[in-house]
Amino acid sequence: MKSFVVRLVNRVSLWAGAWFIGFFAWWVSTGYFLFKPSRRRASVALYRIVFPERSLLYHLYCTWRQFHSFASTYSDRVRLYAGNNAITSTKGREHLFELARKGTGGVIVMSHVGSYEVAATAFQELGFRLLLLLGEKEAKQVARNQRETMMAKGVHIHVSSERDDSPFGGLEALKFIREGGFVSVAGDLVWTDQRTRTVVRFFGQDVGFTSAPHLLAMVSGAPLLTMFTYRAEKGMHQVEISAPREVKAPSRSERDRTIQASAQAYAETLERMVRSHPFQWYVFEPFFPRDMEEGLNR
């Protein structure tokens, strides 16, 4: 029923304009803020870690902004698929062109900051082949017709589930990279119970980040890049791509340490991005270990 409503609203928005889904999503987000205490608590706990010196009232304000910032992504998505330009700039695109020239492909570490669909669009506009690895929850947020539109424009999509044995989409990802393509993997959230974790320091806490993109870069030998998108103003987005780096272990015994170091470097980059755009990190479940334990004990 929920997916039917989302599809219906999306279709009406394509006819009536992005304002319709923006208006609808604003009220839905308000309802979540007021009547979904578990979601509200998770975000308040998140901002308690990000801004430890601030008051509960400020953490509630941050949560309100986060919920409604996420709501704005739906109207941005409609504008994007209606053919309107939604990207103001793509900083670091020269790194992609250089890797494409060499034919090495690459692993793109993305995050739940901003819109991955905007990032996928940036790849389409630059002419690169992209395999987008999504978790089941992420995939459900994208209507089927929108996924089909992305695939029609050349973006390959693999949805990872709890039944998968491989931490990064199996041989499909490796084959895609070796053919010169780019594979995008989220680096901040662990999708399934089968995903391995590596512990990093993040906002002064020990947090388990997924090791999947770093392991994929090591196994494939492809360079790893981080990619962030964030909403600047008036529905326009900016894309930032880091310089590529290698994830290579000098010996088998050093593999875990190399993966941990790579994940830590990513965590530090993500922390800087979250500090700059705190309302656009779309994590709505307990994230830090203490908050996860409290959630299980409720």
Protein backbone atom coordinates (compact mmCIF):
# COMPACT_ATOMS: atom_id res chain seq x y z
CA MET A 1 0.00 0.00 0.00
CA LYS A 2 2.82 2.37 0.94
CA SER A 3 4.67 1.79 -2.34
CA PHE A 4 1.40 2.35 -4.26
CA VAL A 5 0.91 5.74 -2.58
CA VAL A 6 4.51 6.74 -3.34
CA ARG A 7 4.09 5.78 -7.01
CA LEU A 8 0.77 7.62 -7.22
CA VAL A 9 2.17 10.80 -5.67
CA ASN A 10 5.19 10.65 -7.97
CA ARG A 11 2.98 10.32 -11.04
CA VAL A 12 0.75 13.20 -9.98
CA SER A 13 3.84 15.32 -9.28
CA LEU A 14 5.17 14.73 -12.78
CA TRP A 15 1.90 16.18 -14.06
CA ALA A 16 1.30 18.91 -11.47
CA GLY A 17 4.90 19.84 -10.74
CA ALA A 18 7.48 19.27 -8.04
CA TRP A 19 5.64 21.59 -5.65
CA PHE A 20 2.93 18.94 -5.17
CA ILE A 21 5.19 16.22 -3.82
CA GLY A 22 7.14 18.84 -1.89
CA PHE A 23 3.93 19.94 -0.15
CA PHE A 24 2.87 16.33 0.45
CA ALA A 25 6.30 15.27 1.75
CA TRP A 26 6.50 18.27 4.11
CA TRP A 27 3.34 17.16 5.89
CA VAL A 28 4.45 13.52 5.98
CA SER A 29 7.76 14.59 7.57
CA THR A 30 5.89 16.70 10.09
CA GLY A 31 3.76 13.69 10.96
CA TYR A 32 6.87 11.54 11.45
CA PHE A 33 8.39 14.19 13.70
CA LEU A 34 5.26 14.48 15.84
CA PHE A 35 3.94 10.93 15.90
CA LYS A 36 6.98 8.65 15.37
CA PRO A 37 8.85 8.94 18.67
CA SER A 38 11.30 6.14 17.82
CA ARG A 39 12.44 7.95 14.67
CA ARG A 40 12.60 11.25 16.53
CA ARG A 41 14.64 9.72 19.38
CA ALA A 42 17.12 8.19 16.91
CA SER A 43 17.81 11.52 15.25
CA VAL A 44 17.99 13.41 18.54
CA ALA A 45 20.54 10.85 19.75
CA LEU A 46 22.47 11.36 16.51
CA TYR A 47 22.69 15.11 16.99
CA ARG A 48 23.54 14.68 20.65
CA ILE A 49 26.79 13.11 19.44
CA VAL A 50 27.37 15.57 16.59
CA PHE A 51 26.68 18.61 18.80
CA PRO A 52 27.43 17.45 22.38
CA GLU A 53 27.71 20.99 23.68
CA ARG A 54 24.21 22.00 22.56
CA SER A 55 20.87 21.64 24.35
CA LEU A 56 18.04 19.17 23.82
CA LEU A 57 16.02 21.96 22.21
CA TYR A 58 18.74 22.43 19.60
CA HIS A 59 18.88 18.68 18.97
CA LEU A 60 15.12 18.71 18.37
CA TYR A 61 15.57 21.63 15.99
CA CYS A 62 18.23 19.66 14.09
CA THR A 63 15.89 16.68 13.89
CA TRP A 64 13.09 18.87 12.51
CA ARG A 65 15.48 20.26 9.88
CA GLN A 66 16.76 16.78 9.01
CA PHE A 67 13.26 15.36 8.51
CA HIS A 68 12.20 18.22 6.26
CA SER A 69 15.48 18.32 4.38
CA PHE A 70 14.86 14.68 3.51
CA ALA A 71 11.34 15.59 2.41
CA SER A 72 12.79 18.10 -0.05
CA THR A 73 14.69 15.31 -1.82
CA TYR A 74 11.39 14.02 -3.21
CA SER A 75 10.59 17.26 -5.04
CA ASP A 76 14.23 17.49 -6.16
CA ARG A 77 13.88 13.97 -7.55
CA VAL A 78 10.82 14.95 -9.58
CA ARG A 79 12.66 17.93 -11.06
CA LEU A 80 15.60 15.68 -11.84
CA TYR A 81 13.52 13.11 -13.73
CA ALA A 82 11.53 15.83 -15.46
CA GLY A 83 14.78 16.77 -17.21
CA ASN A 84 15.55 19.93 -15.24
CA ASN A 85 19.18 20.62 -14.43
CA ALA A 86 19.73 19.96 -10.73
CA ILE A 87 23.54 20.07 -10.51
CA THR A 88 25.44 23.33 -10.17
CA SER A 89 28.94 21.86 -10.28
CA THR A 90 30.90 18.61 -10.13
CA LYS A 91 34.15 19.23 -8.31
CA GLY A 92 36.85 16.62 -8.98
CA ARG A 93 35.44 15.29 -12.26
CA GLU A 94 38.97 15.33 -13.69
CA HIS A 95 39.79 12.32 -11.48
CA LEU A 96 37.08 10.28 -13.18
CA PHE A 97 38.24 11.29 -16.65
CA GLU A 98 41.80 10.27 -15.83
CA LEU A 99 40.73 6.84 -14.55
CA ALA A 100 38.45 6.38 -17.56
CA ARG A 101 41.37 7.25 -19.86
CA LYS A 102 43.50 4.60 -18.16
CA GLY A 103 40.61 2.11 -18.28
CA THR A 104 41.08 1.09 -14.65
CA GLY A 105 37.55 1.75 -13.39
CA GLY A 106 37.11 2.56 -9.73
CA VAL A 107 35.21 2.12 -6.48
CA ILE A 108 33.09 5.12 -5.49
CA VAL A 109 32.35 5.36 -1.77
CA MET A 110 29.09 7.22 -1.28
CA SER A 111 27.20 8.10 1.87
CA HIS A 112 23.70 8.82 3.05
CA VAL A 113 24.47 12.52 2.63
CA GLY A 114 22.43 14.29 -0.01
CA SER A 115 21.07 12.38 -2.99
CA TYR A 116 22.74 9.36 -4.61
CA GLU A 117 20.39 9.85 -7.56
CA VAL A 118 21.97 13.24 -8.22
CA ALA A 119 25.37 11.53 -8.12
CA ALA A 120 24.14 8.90 -10.59
CA THR A 121 22.89 11.67 -12.86
CA ALA A 122 26.31 13.33 -12.72
CA PHE A 123 27.82 10.06 -13.95
CA GLN A 124 25.27 9.88 -16.76
CA GLU A 125 26.07 13.42 -17.87
CA LEU A 126 29.81 12.72 -17.85
CA GLY A 127 29.33 9.53 -19.85
CA PHE A 128 30.72 6.99 -17.35
CA ARG A 129 29.42 3.48 -16.73
CA LEU A 130 28.11 3.06 -13.19
CA LEU A 131 26.98 0.07 -11.16
CA LEU A 132 24.97 1.26 -8.18
CA LEU A 133 24.84 -1.17 -5.25
CA LEU A 134 21.81 -0.52 -3.04
CA GLY A 135 20.55 -2.06 0.16
CA GLU A 136 16.94 -3.22 0.27
CA LYS A 137 15.85 -0.23 2.37
CA GLU A 138 17.49 2.21 -0.04
CA ALA A 139 15.95 0.52 -3.05
CA LYS A 140 12.45 0.76 -1.55
CA GLN A 141 12.82 4.55 -1.35
CA VAL A 142 13.09 4.72 -5.14
CA ALA A 143 9.96 4.13 -7.16
CA ARG A 144 10.22 1.39 -9.79
CA ASN A 145 9.70 3.77 -12.70
CA GLN A 146 12.55 5.96 -11.43
CA ARG A 147 14.87 2.97 -11.18
CA GLU A 148 13.88 2.00 -14.71
CA THR A 149 14.66 5.55 -15.89
CA MET A 150 18.10 5.36 -14.30
CA MET A 151 18.76 1.98 -15.89
CA ALA A 152 17.56 3.23 -19.28
CA LYS A 153 20.18 5.98 -19.07
CA GLY A 154 22.95 3.47 -18.48
CA VAL A 155 23.07 3.06 -14.70
CA HIS A 156 23.22 -0.58 -13.61
CA ILE A 157 21.57 -1.36 -10.27
CA HIS A 158 22.16 -4.31 -7.96
CA VAL A 159 20.01 -4.62 -4.84
CA SER A 160 21.75 -6.39 -1.97
CA SER A 161 19.65 -8.42 0.44
CA GLU A 162 20.19 -10.38 3.64
CA ARG A 163 20.25 -13.56 1.55
CA ASP A 164 23.37 -12.46 -0.32
CA ASP A 165 26.55 -14.28 0.61
CA SER A 166 28.85 -11.68 -0.96
CA PRO A 167 29.50 -8.35 0.79
CA PHE A 168 29.52 -6.36 -2.43
CA GLY A 169 27.31 -7.91 -5.07
CA GLY A 170 29.52 -10.89 -5.95
CA LEU A 171 31.43 -11.27 -9.16
CA GLU A 172 29.21 -8.73 -10.91
CA ALA A 173 31.00 -5.81 -9.24
CA LEU A 174 34.47 -7.22 -9.96
CA LYS A 175 33.61 -7.88 -13.60
CA PHE A 176 32.16 -4.38 -13.98
CA ILE A 177 35.34 -2.75 -12.63
CA ARG A 178 37.64 -4.88 -14.77
CA GLU A 179 35.69 -3.72 -17.82
CA GLY A 180 36.54 -0.12 -16.90
CA GLY A 181 33.32 0.77 -15.07
CA PHE A 182 32.74 2.41 -11.70
CA VAL A 183 31.00 0.70 -8.81
CA SER A 184 29.29 2.79 -6.14
CA VAL A 185 28.97 1.42 -2.59
CA ALA A 186 27.66 3.17 0.53
CA GLY A 187 30.36 3.42 3.17
CA ASP A 188 28.56 4.65 6.28
CA LEU A 189 25.83 2.05 6.86
CA VAL A 190 26.01 -1.73 7.07
CA TRP A 191 23.24 -3.06 4.84
CA THR A 192 22.81 -6.61 6.11
CA ASP A 193 23.95 -8.90 8.90
CA GLN A 194 26.40 -10.53 6.48
CA ARG A 195 28.29 -7.31 5.90
CA THR A 196 31.57 -7.17 7.69
CA ARG A 197 32.33 -4.20 9.87
CA THR A 198 35.52 -2.40 10.71
CA VAL A 199 35.77 -0.14 13.76
CA VAL A 200 36.68 3.51 13.19
CA ARG A 201 36.69 6.68 15.29
CA PHE A 202 33.80 8.88 14.26
CA PHE A 203 32.70 11.96 16.20
CA GLY A 204 34.79 10.68 19.10
CA GLN A 205 33.00 7.32 19.17
CA ASP A 206 34.01 3.80 18.14
CA VAL A 207 31.64 2.97 15.28
CA GLY A 208 31.40 -0.07 13.01
CA PHE A 209 31.48 1.05 9.36
CA THR A 210 31.04 -1.35 6.49
CA SER A 211 34.32 -2.61 5.05
CA ALA A 212 32.69 -3.53 1.71
CA PRO A 213 33.97 -0.67 -0.51
CA HIS A 214 37.48 -0.86 0.92
CA LEU A 215 37.57 -4.64 0.52
CA LEU A 216 36.27 -4.34 -3.04
CA ALA A 217 39.00 -1.82 -3.89
CA MET A 218 41.63 -4.13 -2.42
CA VAL A 219 40.40 -7.28 -4.18
CA SER A 220 39.89 -5.58 -7.55
CA GLY A 221 43.03 -3.45 -7.41
CA ALA A 222 40.94 -0.45 -8.53
CA PRO A 223 41.43 2.98 -6.96
CA LEU A 224 38.93 4.21 -4.39
CA LEU A 225 37.28 7.64 -4.43
CA THR A 226 34.75 9.29 -2.15
CA MET A 227 31.80 11.14 -3.62
CA PHE A 228 29.40 13.48 -1.83
CA THR A 229 26.37 15.37 -3.04
CA TYR A 230 24.62 18.05 -1.05
CA ARG A 231 21.78 20.45 -1.61
CA ALA A 232 23.05 24.00 -1.95
CA GLU A 233 20.08 26.27 -2.62
CA LYS A 234 16.85 26.36 -4.59
CA GLY A 235 16.96 22.63 -5.17
CA MET A 236 20.40 22.77 -6.78
CA HIS A 237 23.07 20.27 -5.79
CA GLN A 238 26.84 20.22 -5.74
CA VAL A 239 28.92 17.10 -6.27
CA GLU A 240 32.39 16.63 -4.77
CA ILE A 241 34.72 13.80 -5.82
CA SER A 242 37.99 13.12 -4.03
CA ALA A 243 41.32 12.23 -5.59
CA PRO A 244 41.71 8.45 -6.07
CA ARG A 245 43.75 6.43 -3.61
CA GLU A 246 44.89 2.82 -3.55
CA VAL A 247 43.88 0.26 -0.94
CA LYS A 248 46.80 -2.17 -1.04
CA ALA A 249 48.15 -4.37 1.72
CA PRO A 250 51.90 -5.14 1.68
CA SER A 251 51.15 -8.65 2.93
CA ARG A 252 48.21 -10.91 3.75
CA SER A 253 48.70 -10.25 7.47
CA GLU A 254 48.26 -6.52 6.84
CA ARG A 255 44.91 -6.74 5.05
CA ASP A 256 42.68 -6.01 8.03
CA ARG A 257 44.84 -3.10 9.09
CA THR A 258 44.85 -1.66 5.55
CA ILE A 259 41.06 -1.90 5.30
CA GLN A 260 40.67 -0.27 8.73
CA ALA A 261 43.00 2.59 7.72
CA SER A 262 41.03 3.16 4.52
CA ALA A 263 37.72 3.12 6.40
CA GLN A 264 39.14 5.55 8.96
CA ALA A 265 40.22 7.95 6.21
CA TYR A 266 36.69 7.81 4.78
CA ALA A 267 35.15 8.32 8.26
CA GLU A 268 37.19 11.49 8.75
CA THR A 269 36.04 12.83 5.39
CA LEU A 270 32.42 11.99 6.21
CA GLU A 271 32.70 13.69 9.59
CA ARG A 272 33.86 16.91 7.94
CA MET A 273 30.97 16.72 5.48
CA VAL A 274 28.39 16.10 8.22
CA ARG A 275 29.73 19.04 10.21
CA SER A 276 29.33 21.23 7.13
CA HIS A 277 25.86 19.92 6.19
CA PRO A 278 24.43 18.34 9.37
CA PHE A 279 20.80 18.28 8.24
CA GLN A 280 21.58 16.37 5.05
CA TRP A 281 22.95 13.21 6.64
CA TYR A 282 19.87 11.01 6.27
CA VAL A 283 20.27 8.43 9.02
CA PHE A 284 16.98 7.77 10.82
CA GLU A 285 17.82 4.75 12.95
CA PRO A 286 20.15 4.34 15.96
CA PHE A 287 23.66 4.71 14.58
CA PHE A 288 26.16 4.99 17.41
CA PRO A 289 26.70 1.86 19.57
CA ARG A 290 25.28 3.31 22.78
CA ASP A 291 22.12 4.45 21.01
CA MET A 292 21.75 1.05 19.30
CA GLU A 293 21.95 -0.70 22.69
CA GLU A 294 19.39 1.68 24.19
CA GLY A 295 17.07 1.03 21.25
CA LEU A 296 17.28 -2.72 21.78
CA ASN A 297 16.52 -2.33 25.47
CA ARG A 298 13.39 -0.22 24.97
